[in-house]
PDB file of N, CA and C in Angstrom:
ATOM      1  N   UNK A   1       0.950  -1.351  -0.218  1.00  0.00           N
ATOM      2  CA  UNK A   1      -0.217   0.061  -0.076  1.00  0.00           C
ATOM      3  C   UNK A   1       1.197   1.393  -0.024  1.00  0.00           C
ATOM      4  N   UNK A   2       0.913   2.302  -0.808  1.00  0.00           N
ATOM      5  CA  UNK A   2       1.299   3.057  -0.651  1.00  0.00           C
ATOM      6  C   UNK A   2       0.917   4.391   0.145  1.00  0.00           C
ATOM      7  N   UNK A   3       2.051   5.101   0.701  1.00  0.00           N
ATOM      8  CA  UNK A   3       1.708   6.136   1.593  1.00  0.00           C
ATOM      9  C   UNK A   3       1.134   7.178   0.862  1.00  0.00           C
ATOM     10  N   UNK A   4      -0.020   7.417   1.628  1.00  0.00           N
ATOM     11  CA  UNK A   4      -0.812   8.928   0.827  1.00  0.00           C
ATOM     12  C   UNK A   4      -0.047  10.203   0.803  1.00  0.00           C
ATOM     13  N   UNK A   5       0.647  10.285   1.613  1.00  0.00           N
ATOM     14  CA  UNK A   5       1.408  11.608   1.889  1.00  0.00           C
ATOM     15  C   UNK A   5       2.753  11.547   0.629  1.00  0.00           C
ATOM     16  N   UNK A   6       3.506  10.008   0.837  1.00  0.00           N
ATOM     17  CA  UNK A   6       4.884  10.708  -0.053  1.00  0.00           C
ATOM     18  C   UNK A   6       4.116  10.294  -1.360  1.00  0.00           C
ATOM     19  N   UNK A   7       2.875   9.694  -1.997  1.00  0.00           N
ATOM     20  CA  UNK A   7       2.246   9.586  -3.737  1.00  0.00           C
ATOM     21  C   UNK A   7       2.254  11.444  -3.432  1.00  0.00           C
ATOM     22  N   UNK A   8       1.611  12.209  -2.513  1.00  0.00           N
ATOM     23  CA  UNK A   8       1.071  13.499  -3.151  1.00  0.00           C
ATOM     24  C   UNK A   8       2.306  14.251  -3.294  1.00  0.00           C
ATOM     25  N   UNK A   9       3.424  14.098  -2.495  1.00  0.00           N
ATOM     26  CA  UNK A   9       4.622  14.715  -2.157  1.00  0.00           C
ATOM     27  C   UNK A   9       5.283  14.530  -4.259  1.00  0.00           C
ATOM     28  N   UNK A  10       5.655  13.493  -4.175  1.00  0.00           N
ATOM     29  CA  UNK A  10       5.848  12.714  -5.366  1.00  0.00           C
ATOM     30  C   UNK A  10       5.334  12.751  -6.770  1.00  0.00           C
ATOM     31  N   UNK A  11       3.621  13.135  -6.639  1.00  0.00           N
ATOM     32  CA  UNK A  11       3.220  13.713  -7.903  1.00  0.00           C
ATOM     33  C   UNK A  11       3.593  15.354  -7.889  1.00  0.00           C
ATOM     34  N   UNK A  12       3.536  15.790  -6.666  1.00  0.00           N
ATOM     35  CA  UNK A  12       3.593  17.558  -6.531  1.00  0.00           C
ATOM     36  C   UNK A  12       5.016  17.799  -7.086  1.00  0.00           C
ATOM     37  N   UNK A  13       6.018  17.005  -7.082  1.00  0.00           N
ATOM     38  CA  UNK A  13       7.534  17.476  -6.923  1.00  0.00           C
ATOM     39  C   UNK A  13       8.023  17.512  -6.173  1.00  0.00           C
ATOM     40  N   UNK A  14       7.624  17.171  -5.160  1.00  0.00           N
ATOM     41  CA  UNK A  14       8.037  17.423  -3.881  1.00  0.00           C
ATOM     42  C   UNK A  14       9.132  16.600  -3.143  1.00  0.00           C
ATOM     43  N   UNK A  15      10.184  16.769  -3.133  1.00  0.00           N
ATOM     44  CA  UNK A  15      10.842  15.298  -2.342  1.00  0.00           C
ATOM     45  C   UNK A  15      11.102  15.475  -0.901  1.00  0.00           C
ATOM     46  N   UNK A  16      11.013  14.206  -0.413  1.00  0.00           N
ATOM     47  CA  UNK A  16      11.521  14.230   1.026  1.00  0.00           C
ATOM     48  C   UNK A  16      12.721  14.320   1.043  1.00  0.00           C
ATOM     49  N   UNK A  17      13.591  14.784   1.952  1.00  0.00           N
ATOM     50  CA  UNK A  17      14.629  15.233   1.686  1.00  0.00           C
ATOM     51  C   UNK A  17      15.630  13.413   2.869  1.00  0.00           C
ATOM     52  N   UNK A  18      16.713  12.750   2.299  1.00  0.00           N
ATOM     53  CA  UNK A  18      16.833  11.536   2.833  1.00  0.00           C
ATOM     54  C   UNK A  18      17.286  11.850   4.389  1.00  0.00           C
ATOM     55  N   UNK A  19      17.569  12.575   4.599  1.00  0.00           N
ATOM     56  CA  UNK A  19      17.948  13.161   6.401  1.00  0.00           C
ATOM     57  C   UNK A  19      17.140  13.965   7.060  1.00  0.00           C
ATOM     58  N   UNK A  20      16.649  14.244   8.582  1.00  0.00           N
ATOM     59  CA  UNK A  20      15.808  14.877   8.832  1.00  0.00           C
ATOM     60  C   UNK A  20      17.440  16.359   9.076  1.00  0.00           C
ATOM     61  N   UNK A  21      16.301  17.510   9.043  1.00  0.00           N
ATOM     62  CA  UNK A  21      16.990  18.880   9.163  1.00  0.00           C
ATOM     63  C   UNK A  21      17.977  18.802  10.503  1.00  0.00           C
ATOM     64  N   UNK A  22      17.923  18.362  11.446  1.00  0.00           N
ATOM     65  CA  UNK A  22      19.144  18.028  12.502  1.00  0.00           C
ATOM     66  C   UNK A  22      20.263  17.708  12.280  1.00  0.00           C
ATOM     67  N   UNK A  23      20.521  16.535  11.157  1.00  0.00           N
ATOM     68  CA  UNK A  23      21.199  15.576  10.883  1.00  0.00           C
ATOM     69  C   UNK A  23      22.690  16.184  10.027  1.00  0.00           C
ATOM     70  N   UNK A  24      23.418  15.934  10.428  1.00  0.00           N
ATOM     71  CA  UNK A  24      25.001  16.665   9.840  1.00  0.00           C
ATOM     72  C   UNK A  24      24.882  16.121   8.799  1.00  0.00           C
ATOM     73  N   UNK A  25      23.916  14.844   8.262  1.00  0.00           N
ATOM     74  CA  UNK A  25      24.107  15.174   6.591  1.00  0.00           C
ATOM     75  C   UNK A  25      23.058  15.813   5.858  1.00  0.00           C
ATOM     76  N   UNK A  26      22.103  16.087   6.560  1.00  0.00           N
ATOM     77  CA  UNK A  26      20.829  17.140   6.106  1.00  0.00           C
ATOM     78  C   UNK A  26      21.759  17.800   4.608  1.00  0.00           C
ATOM     79  N   UNK A  27      21.083  17.632   3.482  1.00  0.00           N
ATOM     80  CA  UNK A  27      21.406  18.826   2.565  1.00  0.00           C
ATOM     81  C   UNK A  27      22.536  18.409   1.697  1.00  0.00           C
ATOM     82  N   UNK A  28      22.906  16.992   2.212  1.00  0.00           N
ATOM     83  CA  UNK A  28      24.112  17.004   1.573  1.00  0.00           C
ATOM     84  C   UNK A  28      23.774  16.296  -0.232  1.00  0.00           C
ATOM     85  N   UNK A  29      24.670  16.007  -0.955  1.00  0.00           N
ATOM     86  CA  UNK A  29      24.071  14.976  -1.870  1.00  0.00           C
ATOM     87  C   UNK A  29      23.923  13.600  -1.822  1.00  0.00           C
ATOM     88  N   UNK A  30      23.709  12.795  -2.594  1.00  0.00           N
ATOM     89  CA  UNK A  30      23.800  11.584  -2.534  1.00  0.00           C
ATOM     90  C   UNK A  30      23.872  10.955  -4.221  1.00  0.00           C
ATOM     91  N   UNK A  31      24.614  10.117  -4.201  1.00  0.00           N
ATOM     92  CA  UNK A  31      25.055   9.624  -5.280  1.00  0.00           C
ATOM     93  C   UNK A  31      24.764   7.850  -5.348  1.00  0.00           C
ATOM     94  N   UNK A  32      24.835   7.412  -6.431  1.00  0.00           N
ATOM     95  CA  UNK A  32      24.665   5.938  -6.597  1.00  0.00           C
ATOM     96  C   UNK A  32      26.119   5.209  -7.274  1.00  0.00           C
ATOM     97  N   UNK A  33      26.296   4.074  -6.970  1.00  0.00           N
ATOM     98  CA  UNK A  33      27.589   3.235  -7.647  1.00  0.00           C
ATOM     99  C   UNK A  33      27.326   2.563  -7.749  1.00  0.00           C
ATOM    100  N   UNK A  34      27.387   1.488  -9.509  1.00  0.00           N
ATOM    101  CA  UNK A  34      26.559   0.665  -9.732  1.00  0.00           C
ATOM    102  C   UNK A  34      27.775  -0.638  -9.305  1.00  0.00           C
ATOM    103  N   UNK A  35      27.673  -1.880  -8.917  1.00  0.00           N
ATOM    104  CA  UNK A  35      28.677  -2.512  -8.808  1.00  0.00           C
ATOM    105  C   UNK A  35      28.712  -3.349 -10.141  1.00  0.00           C
ATOM    106  N   UNK A  36      30.048  -4.491 -10.095  1.00  0.00           N
ATOM    107  CA  UNK A  36      30.516  -4.880 -11.291  1.00  0.00           C
ATOM    108  C   UNK A  36      28.991  -6.352 -11.185  1.00  0.00           C
ATOM    109  N   UNK A  37      28.119  -6.463  -9.954  1.00  0.00           N
ATOM    110  CA  UNK A  37      26.856  -7.325 -10.079  1.00  0.00           C
ATOM    111  C   UNK A  37      25.767  -6.855 -11.063  1.00  0.00           C
ATOM    112  N   UNK A  38      26.082  -5.518 -11.135  1.00  0.00           N
ATOM    113  CA  UNK A  38      24.868  -4.572 -11.185  1.00  0.00           C
ATOM    114  C   UNK A  38      23.782  -4.012 -10.221  1.00  0.00           C
ATOM    115  N   UNK A  39      24.099  -4.394  -8.865  1.00  0.00           N
ATOM    116  CA  UNK A  39      23.428  -4.008  -7.989  1.00  0.00           C
ATOM    117  C   UNK A  39      23.780  -2.309  -7.710  1.00  0.00           C
ATOM    118  N   UNK A  40      23.090  -1.554  -7.225  1.00  0.00           N
ATOM    119  CA  UNK A  40      23.423  -0.287  -6.538  1.00  0.00           C
ATOM    120  C   UNK A  40      23.738  -0.224  -5.575  1.00  0.00           C
ATOM    121  N   UNK A  41      24.515   0.893  -5.053  1.00  0.00           N
ATOM    122  CA  UNK A  41      24.369   1.438  -3.538  1.00  0.00           C
ATOM    123  C   UNK A  41      24.495   3.134  -3.700  1.00  0.00           C
ATOM    124  N   UNK A  42      23.400   3.353  -2.687  1.00  0.00           N
ATOM    125  CA  UNK A  42      23.444   4.747  -2.826  1.00  0.00           C
ATOM    126  C   UNK A  42      24.192   5.515  -2.141  1.00  0.00           C
ATOM    127  N   UNK A  43      24.917   6.650  -1.761  1.00  0.00           N
ATOM    128  CA  UNK A  43      25.785   6.663  -0.688  1.00  0.00           C
ATOM    129  C   UNK A  43      25.462   8.339  -0.681  1.00  0.00           C
ATOM    130  N   UNK A  44      26.095   8.851   0.927  1.00  0.00           N
ATOM    131  CA  UNK A  44      26.068  10.010   1.017  1.00  0.00           C
ATOM    132  C   UNK A  44      27.513  10.554   0.290  1.00  0.00           C
ATOM    133  N   UNK A  45      27.675  11.708  -0.088  1.00  0.00           N
ATOM    134  CA  UNK A  45      28.966  12.395  -0.856  1.00  0.00           C
ATOM    135  C   UNK A  45      29.254  12.938   0.129  1.00  0.00           C
ATOM    136  N   UNK A  46      30.629  13.133   0.104  1.00  0.00           N
ATOM    137  CA  UNK A  46      31.849  13.258   1.625  1.00  0.00           C
ATOM    138  C   UNK A  46      31.025  14.916   2.097  1.00  0.00           C
ATOM    139  N   UNK A  47      31.457  15.216   2.973  1.00  0.00           N
ATOM    140  CA  UNK A  47      31.128  16.022   4.293  1.00  0.00           C
ATOM    141  C   UNK A  47      32.440  16.823   4.606  1.00  0.00           C
ATOM    142  N   UNK A  48      32.443  18.200   3.797  1.00  0.00           N
ATOM    143  CA  UNK A  48      33.997  18.872   4.641  1.00  0.00           C
ATOM    144  C   UNK A  48      33.217  19.463   5.865  1.00  0.00           C
ATOM    145  N   UNK A  49      33.895  19.588   7.297  1.00  0.00           N
ATOM    146  CA  UNK A  49      33.791  20.097   7.891  1.00  0.00           C
ATOM    147  C   UNK A  49      34.667  21.596   7.765  1.00  0.00           C
ATOM    148  N   UNK A  50      34.218  22.780   8.238  1.00  0.00           N
ATOM    149  CA  UNK A  50      34.727  23.987   8.485  1.00  0.00           C
ATOM    150  C   UNK A  50      35.975  23.952   9.876  1.00  0.00           C
ATOM    151  N   UNK A  51      36.368  24.691   9.453  1.00  0.00           N
ATOM    152  CA  UNK A  51      37.507  24.827  10.327  1.00  0.00           C
ATOM    153  C   UNK A  51      37.209  25.431  11.737  1.00  0.00           C
ATOM    154  N   UNK A  52      37.028  25.022  13.234  1.00  0.00           N
ATOM    155  CA  UNK A  52      36.495  25.457  14.355  1.00  0.00           C
ATOM    156  C   UNK A  52      36.228  26.699  14.336  1.00  0.00           C
ATOM    157  N   UNK A  53      37.296  27.593  13.948  1.00  0.00           N
ATOM    158  CA  UNK A  53      37.464  28.750  13.745  1.00  0.00           C
ATOM    159  C   UNK A  53      36.219  29.934  13.275  1.00  0.00           C
ATOM    160  N   UNK A  54      35.740  28.785  12.124  1.00  0.00           N
ATOM    161  CA  UNK A  54      34.576  29.620  10.872  1.00  0.00           C
ATOM    162  C   UNK A  54      33.405  29.155  11.905  1.00  0.00           C
ATOM    163  N   UNK A  55      33.201  29.121  13.439  1.00  0.00           N
ATOM    164  CA  UNK A  55      31.957  28.956  14.265  1.00  0.00           C
ATOM    165  C   UNK A  55      31.880  29.965  14.997  1.00  0.00           C
ATOM    166  N   UNK A  56      30.499  30.729  14.733  1.00  0.00           N
ATOM    167  CA  UNK A  56      30.696  31.929  15.855  1.00  0.00           C
ATOM    168  C   UNK A  56      30.102  31.207  17.157  1.00  0.00           C
ATOM    169  N   UNK A  57      31.113  31.704  18.224  1.00  0.00           N
ATOM    170  CA  UNK A  57      31.248  30.897  19.533  1.00  0.00           C
ATOM    171  C   UNK A  57      30.082  32.049  20.688  1.00  0.00           C
ATOM    172  N   UNK A  58      28.928  30.550  21.191  1.00  0.00           N
ATOM    173  CA  UNK A  58      28.307  31.413  22.061  1.00  0.00           C
ATOM    174  C   UNK A  58      28.810  31.369  23.322  1.00  0.00           C
ATOM    175  N   UNK A  59      29.498  30.145  24.034  1.00  0.00           N
ATOM    176  CA  UNK A  59      30.287  30.341  25.310  1.00  0.00           C
ATOM    177  C   UNK A  59      30.816  28.952  24.923  1.00  0.00           C
ATOM    178  N   UNK A  60      31.750  29.016  26.460  1.00  0.00           N
ATOM    179  CA  UNK A  60      32.241  27.546  26.681  1.00  0.00           C
ATOM    180  C   UNK A  60      31.936  27.032  27.912  1.00  0.00           C
ATOM    181  N   UNK A  61      32.202  25.729  27.772  1.00  0.00           N
ATOM    182  CA  UNK A  61      31.885  24.751  28.775  1.00  0.00           C
ATOM    183  C   UNK A  61      33.144  24.671  29.434  1.00  0.00           C
ATOM    184  N   UNK A  62      33.365  23.882  31.153  1.00  0.00           N
ATOM    185  CA  UNK A  62      34.413  23.912  30.839  1.00  0.00           C
ATOM    186  C   UNK A  62      33.937  22.246  31.211  1.00  0.00           C
ATOM    187  N   UNK A  63      34.644  21.052  30.897  1.00  0.00           N
ATOM    188  CA  UNK A  63      34.819  19.558  31.132  1.00  0.00           C
ATOM    189  C   UNK A  63      34.570  19.400  32.761  1.00  0.00           C
ATOM    190  N   UNK A  64      33.884  18.578  32.644  1.00  0.00           N
ATOM    191  CA  UNK A  64      33.857  17.700  34.287  1.00  0.00           C
ATOM    192  C   UNK A  64      33.597  16.588  34.214  1.00  0.00           C
ATOM    193  N   UNK A  65      34.131  15.532  35.304  1.00  0.00           N
ATOM    194  CA  UNK A  65      34.621  14.200  35.422  1.00  0.00           C
ATOM    195  C   UNK A  65      32.445  13.356  34.988  1.00  0.00           C
ATOM    196  N   UNK A  66      32.663  12.821  34.159  1.00  0.00           N
ATOM    197  CA  UNK A  66      30.877  12.500  34.298  1.00  0.00           C
ATOM    198  C   UNK A  66      30.227  13.000  32.961  1.00  0.00           C
ATOM    199  N   UNK A  67      31.155  14.152  32.226  1.00  0.00           N
ATOM    200  CA  UNK A  67      30.287  14.972  31.088  1.00  0.00           C
ATOM    201  C   UNK A  67      30.313  13.659  29.773  1.00  0.00           C
ATOM    202  N   UNK A  68      29.029  14.026  29.385  1.00  0.00           N
ATOM    203  CA  UNK A  68      28.971  13.038  28.072  1.00  0.00           C
ATOM    204  C   UNK A  68      28.517  13.801  26.838  1.00  0.00           C
ATOM    205  N   UNK A  69      28.986  13.868  25.614  1.00  0.00           N
ATOM    206  CA  UNK A  69      28.228  15.137  24.625  1.00  0.00           C
ATOM    207  C   UNK A  69      26.751  14.665  24.252  1.00  0.00           C
ATOM    208  N   UNK A  70      26.036  13.945  24.758  1.00  0.00           N
ATOM    209  CA  UNK A  70      24.903  14.227  24.299  1.00  0.00           C
ATOM    210  C   UNK A  70      24.250  14.858  25.707  1.00  0.00           C
ATOM    211  N   UNK A  71      24.578  14.551  26.697  1.00  0.00           N
ATOM    212  CA  UNK A  71      23.975  15.660  27.317  1.00  0.00           C
ATOM    213  C   UNK A  71      24.067  17.134  27.364  1.00  0.00           C
ATOM    214  N   UNK A  72      25.242  17.417  27.286  1.00  0.00           N
ATOM    215  CA  UNK A  72      26.039  18.584  26.415  1.00  0.00           C
ATOM    216  C   UNK A  72      25.355  19.099  25.605  1.00  0.00           C
ATOM    217  N   UNK A  73      24.993  18.430  24.590  1.00  0.00           N
ATOM    218  CA  UNK A  73      24.485  18.774  23.309  1.00  0.00           C
ATOM    219  C   UNK A  73      22.554  19.437  24.169  1.00  0.00           C
ATOM    220  N   UNK A  74      22.008  18.390  24.728  1.00  0.00           N
ATOM    221  CA  UNK A  74      20.648  18.712  25.145  1.00  0.00           C
ATOM    222  C   UNK A  74      20.966  19.920  25.845  1.00  0.00           C
ATOM    223  N   UNK A  75      21.758  19.779  26.707  1.00  0.00           N
ATOM    224  CA  UNK A  75      22.245  21.257  27.496  1.00  0.00           C
ATOM    225  C   UNK A  75      21.884  22.143  26.755  1.00  0.00           C
ATOM    226  N   UNK A  76      23.187  22.457  25.647  1.00  0.00           N
ATOM    227  CA  UNK A  76      23.421  23.775  25.297  1.00  0.00           C
ATOM    228  C   UNK A  76      22.499  23.992  23.821  1.00  0.00           C
ATOM    229  N   UNK A  77      21.815  22.999  23.228  1.00  0.00           N
ATOM    230  CA  UNK A  77      22.052  23.109  21.729  1.00  0.00           C
ATOM    231  C   UNK A  77      20.497  22.629  21.387  1.00  0.00           C
ATOM    232  N   UNK A  78      19.957  22.330  22.920  1.00  0.00           N
ATOM    233  CA  UNK A  78      18.491  21.457  22.776  1.00  0.00           C
ATOM    234  C   UNK A  78      17.911  20.214  22.435  1.00  0.00           C
ATOM    235  N   UNK A  79      18.977  19.326  21.856  1.00  0.00           N
ATOM    236  CA  UNK A  79      18.756  17.904  21.522  1.00  0.00           C
ATOM    237  C   UNK A  79      20.353  17.326  21.361  1.00  0.00           C
ATOM    238  N   UNK A  80      20.157  16.139  22.086  1.00  0.00           N
ATOM    239  CA  UNK A  80      21.205  15.603  22.639  1.00  0.00           C
ATOM    240  C   UNK A  80      21.918  14.469  20.953  1.00  0.00           C
ATOM    241  N   UNK A  81      20.610  14.910  19.786  1.00  0.00           N
ATOM    242  CA  UNK A  81      21.111  14.289  18.383  1.00  0.00           C
ATOM    243  C   UNK A  81      22.394  15.376  18.116  1.00  0.00           C
ATOM    244  N   UNK A  82      22.163  16.361  18.302  1.00  0.00           N
ATOM    245  CA  UNK A  82      23.257  17.928  17.798  1.00  0.00           C
ATOM    246  C   UNK A  82      25.043  17.500  18.354  1.00  0.00           C
ATOM    247  N   UNK A  83      25.173  16.593  19.091  1.00  0.00           N
ATOM    248  CA  UNK A  83      26.540  16.605  19.960  1.00  0.00           C
ATOM    249  C   UNK A  83      27.240  16.316  18.344  1.00  0.00           C
ATOM    250  N   UNK A  84      27.095  16.334  17.487  1.00  0.00           N
ATOM    251  CA  UNK A  84      28.008  16.381  16.018  1.00  0.00           C
ATOM    252  C   UNK A  84      28.410  17.664  15.913  1.00  0.00           C
ATOM    253  N   UNK A  85      27.616  18.754  16.163  1.00  0.00           N
ATOM    254  CA  UNK A  85      27.754  20.325  16.267  1.00  0.00           C
ATOM    255  C   UNK A  85      29.335  20.487  17.386  1.00  0.00           C
ATOM    256  N   UNK A  86      28.950  19.600  18.416  1.00  0.00           N
ATOM    257  CA  UNK A  86      30.060  20.053  19.176  1.00  0.00           C
ATOM    258  C   UNK A  86      31.657  19.296  18.603  1.00  0.00           C
ATOM    259  N   UNK A  87      31.067  18.275  18.072  1.00  0.00           N
ATOM    260  CA  UNK A  87      32.525  17.921  17.517  1.00  0.00           C
ATOM    261  C   UNK A  87      33.258  19.089  16.769  1.00  0.00           C
ATOM    262  N   UNK A  88      32.063  19.317  15.451  1.00  0.00           N
ATOM    263  CA  UNK A  88      32.640  20.169  14.546  1.00  0.00           C
ATOM    264  C   UNK A  88      33.222  21.531  15.069  1.00  0.00           C
ATOM    265  N   UNK A  89      32.653  21.966  16.095  1.00  0.00           N
ATOM    266  CA  UNK A  89      32.911  23.333  16.655  1.00  0.00           C
ATOM    267  C   UNK A  89      34.302  22.936  17.528  1.00  0.00           C
ATOM    268  N   UNK A  90      34.614  21.883  18.045  1.00  0.00           N
ATOM    269  CA  UNK A  90      36.330  21.750  18.429  1.00  0.00           C
ATOM    270  C   UNK A  90      36.525  21.121  17.589  1.00  0.00           C
ATOM    271  N   UNK A  91      36.330  20.772  16.199  1.00  0.00           N
ATOM    272  CA  UNK A  91      37.616  19.538  15.937  1.00  0.00           C
ATOM    273  C   UNK A  91      38.073  18.277  16.027  1.00  0.00           C
ATOM    274  N   UNK A  92      37.158  18.067  16.606  1.00  0.00           N
ATOM    275  CA  UNK A  92      37.041  16.601  17.259  1.00  0.00           C
ATOM    276  C   UNK A  92      36.744  15.577  16.062  1.00  0.00           C
ATOM    277  N   UNK A  93      37.829  14.745  15.795  1.00  0.00           N
ATOM    278  CA  UNK A  93      37.824  13.522  14.864  1.00  0.00           C
ATOM    279  C   UNK A  93      37.458  12.025  15.898  1.00  0.00           C
ATOM    280  N   UNK A  94      37.340  11.931  17.012  1.00  0.00           N
ATOM    281  CA  UNK A  94      37.130  11.391  18.039  1.00  0.00           C
ATOM    282  C   UNK A  94      36.261  11.808  19.123  1.00  0.00           C
ATOM    283  N   UNK A  95      35.263  11.734  19.056  1.00  0.00           N
ATOM    284  CA  UNK A  95      34.130  12.435  19.541  1.00  0.00           C
ATOM    285  C   UNK A  95      34.439  12.179  21.721  1.00  0.00           C
ATOM    286  N   UNK A  96      34.521  11.270  21.915  1.00  0.00           N
ATOM    287  CA  UNK A  96      35.032  10.579  23.170  1.00  0.00           C
ATOM    288  C   UNK A  96      36.300  11.395  23.883  1.00  0.00           C
ATOM    289  N   UNK A  97      37.250  12.219  22.642  1.00  0.00           N
ATOM    290  CA  UNK A  97      38.392  12.789  23.609  1.00  0.00           C
ATOM    291  C   UNK A  97      37.776  13.865  23.944  1.00  0.00           C
ATOM    292  N   UNK A  98      36.603  15.219  23.734  1.00  0.00           N
ATOM    293  CA  UNK A  98      36.041  16.056  23.984  1.00  0.00           C
ATOM    294  C   UNK A  98      35.799  15.810  25.394  1.00  0.00           C
ATOM    295  N   UNK A  99      35.096  14.811  25.928  1.00  0.00           N
ATOM    296  CA  UNK A  99      34.544  14.849  27.309  1.00  0.00           C
ATOM    297  C   UNK A  99      35.948  14.167  28.437  1.00  0.00           C
ATOM    298  N   UNK A 100      36.828  13.080  27.975  1.00  0.00           N
ATOM    299  CA  UNK A 100      37.948  12.418  28.401  1.00  0.00           C
ATOM    300  C   UNK A 100      38.965  12.904  29.636  1.00  0.00           C
ATOM    301  N   UNK A 101      38.807  14.393  29.131  1.00  0.00           N
ATOM    302  CA  UNK A 101      39.918  14.824  30.340  1.00  0.00           C
ATOM    303  C   UNK A 101      39.310  16.245  30.682  1.00  0.00           C
ATOM    304  N   UNK A 102      38.490  16.124  32.180  1.00  0.00           N
ATOM    305  CA  UNK A 102      38.022  17.587  32.924  1.00  0.00           C
ATOM    306  C   UNK A 102      40.032  18.615  33.219  1.00  0.00           C
ATOM    307  N   UNK A 103      38.777  19.319  33.041  1.00  0.00           N
ATOM    308  CA  UNK A 103      39.136  20.915  33.134  1.00  0.00           C
ATOM    309  C   UNK A 103      39.158  21.243  31.015  1.00  0.00           C
ATOM    310  N   UNK A 104      38.915  20.837  30.019  1.00  0.00           N
ATOM    311  CA  UNK A 104      39.198  21.000  29.022  1.00  0.00           C
ATOM    312  C   UNK A 104      37.856  21.660  29.165  1.00  0.00           C
ATOM    313  N   UNK A 105      38.429  22.555  27.984  1.00  0.00           N
ATOM    314  CA  UNK A 105      36.915  23.904  27.350  1.00  0.00           C
ATOM    315  C   UNK A 105      36.651  23.785  26.382  1.00  0.00           C
ATOM    316  N   UNK A 106      35.389  22.994  26.171  1.00  0.00           N
ATOM    317  CA  UNK A 106      34.876  23.397  24.996  1.00  0.00           C
ATOM    318  C   UNK A 106      34.294  24.265  24.526  1.00  0.00           C
ATOM    319  N   UNK A 107      34.115  24.461  22.779  1.00  0.00           N
ATOM    320  CA  UNK A 107      33.537  25.709  22.520  1.00  0.00           C
ATOM    321  C   UNK A 107      32.123  25.069  21.963  1.00  0.00           C
ATOM    322  N   UNK A 108      31.019  26.273  22.376  1.00  0.00           N
ATOM    323  CA  UNK A 108      29.702  26.062  22.210  1.00  0.00           C
ATOM    324  C   UNK A 108      29.536  27.084  21.576  1.00  0.00           C
ATOM    325  N   UNK A 109      28.876  26.399  19.967  1.00  0.00           N
ATOM    326  CA  UNK A 109      28.995  27.456  18.729  1.00  0.00           C
ATOM    327  C   UNK A 109      27.281  27.739  18.186  1.00  0.00           C
ATOM    328  N   UNK A 110      27.541  29.029  17.108  1.00  0.00           N
ATOM    329  CA  UNK A 110      26.367  29.066  16.488  1.00  0.00           C
ATOM    330  C   UNK A 110      26.609  27.607  15.308  1.00  0.00           C
ATOM    331  N   UNK A 111      25.107  27.184  14.727  1.00  0.00           N
ATOM    332  CA  UNK A 111      25.417  26.349  13.525  1.00  0.00           C
ATOM    333  C   UNK A 111      26.979  26.819  12.218  1.00  0.00           C
ATOM    334  N   UNK A 112      27.435  26.202  11.789  1.00  0.00           N
ATOM    335  CA  UNK A 112      28.286  26.642  10.639  1.00  0.00           C
ATOM    336  C   UNK A 112      27.409  27.232   9.893  1.00  0.00           C
ATOM    337  N   UNK A 113      27.317  28.302   9.430  1.00  0.00           N
ATOM    338  CA  UNK A 113      27.209  29.452   8.458  1.00  0.00           C
ATOM    339  C   UNK A 113      26.026  30.158   9.487  1.00  0.00           C
ATOM    340  N   UNK A 114      25.841  30.877  10.373  1.00  0.00           N
ATOM    341  CA  UNK A 114      24.925  31.386  11.107  1.00  0.00           C
ATOM    342  C   UNK A 114      26.136  32.628  11.579  1.00  0.00           C
ATOM    343  N   UNK A 115      26.155  33.772  11.095  1.00  0.00           N
ATOM    344  CA  UNK A 115      26.954  34.682  11.788  1.00  0.00           C
ATOM    345  C   UNK A 115      26.635  35.249  13.197  1.00  0.00           C
ATOM    346  N   UNK A 116      28.038  34.915  14.236  1.00  0.00           N
ATOM    347  CA  UNK A 116      27.438  35.947  15.176  1.00  0.00           C
ATOM    348  C   UNK A 116      27.749  37.351  15.601  1.00  0.00           C
ATOM    349  N   UNK A 117      28.097  38.149  17.162  1.00  0.00           N
ATOM    350  CA  UNK A 117      28.782  39.141  16.754  1.00  0.00           C
ATOM    351  C   UNK A 117      30.231  39.478  16.539  1.00  0.00           C
ATOM    352  N   UNK A 118      30.388  40.516  16.598  1.00  0.00           N
ATOM    353  CA  UNK A 118      31.492  40.846  16.151  1.00  0.00           C
ATOM    354  C   UNK A 118      32.628  40.702  17.350  1.00  0.00           C
ATOM    355  N   UNK A 119      33.820  39.998  17.456  1.00  0.00           N
ATOM    356  CA  UNK A 119      34.645  39.923  18.921  1.00  0.00           C
ATOM    357  C   UNK A 119      33.760  38.049  19.054  1.00  0.00           C
ATOM    358  N   UNK A 120      32.793  37.480  18.907  1.00  0.00           N
ATOM    359  CA  UNK A 120      32.681  36.375  19.343  1.00  0.00           C
ATOM    360  C   UNK A 120      33.091  35.389  19.567  1.00  0.00           C
ATOM    361  N   UNK A 121      34.454  34.748  18.532  1.00  0.00           N
ATOM    362  CA  UNK A 121      35.489  34.518  18.393  1.00  0.00           C
ATOM    363  C   UNK A 121      35.264  33.688  17.608  1.00  0.00           C
ATOM    364  N   UNK A 122      34.213  34.045  16.633  1.00  0.00           N
ATOM    365  CA  UNK A 122      34.271  33.125  14.737  1.00  0.00           C
ATOM    366  C   UNK A 122      34.663  34.831  14.175  1.00  0.00           C
ATOM    367  N   UNK A 123      35.046  34.245  13.104  1.00  0.00           N
ATOM    368  CA  UNK A 123      35.015  34.669  11.877  1.00  0.00           C
ATOM    369  C   UNK A 123      34.014  35.413  11.317  1.00  0.00           C
ATOM    370  N   UNK A 124      32.632  34.625  11.041  1.00  0.00           N
ATOM    371  CA  UNK A 124      31.305  35.046  11.188  1.00  0.00           C
ATOM    372  C   UNK A 124      31.278  36.577  11.374  1.00  0.00           C
ATOM    373  N   UNK A 125      30.510  37.306  10.865  1.00  0.00           N
ATOM    374  CA  UNK A 125      30.561  38.762  11.889  1.00  0.00           C
ATOM    375  C   UNK A 125      29.051  39.653  11.266  1.00  0.00           C
TER     376      UNK A 125
END
């Protein structure tokens, strides 16, 4: 049975995005690869993360023992699934390292591309 909403969207040229607006992959293009056996594999094209200095700083958080990125994202960004924004803003390739050492200062920033106020620590202005 066809989903009536999806049928309406397709009929009217409105395709649903493959990723939710809060996803780190939202807005990225997708592509397909055809394997030698003829099967097709869809994938998301490469995501390039801007340098941490390009994110407008809101505030900093000093890590304490027991901090977790999902809890920090929920507290500062309103959604635990946005932990990846903390990773991007702090240049983390390994998310667990951000909270491994008490005393580390984490940058809490606006989303990429959202300008902050002059003197906020980001290049956006």
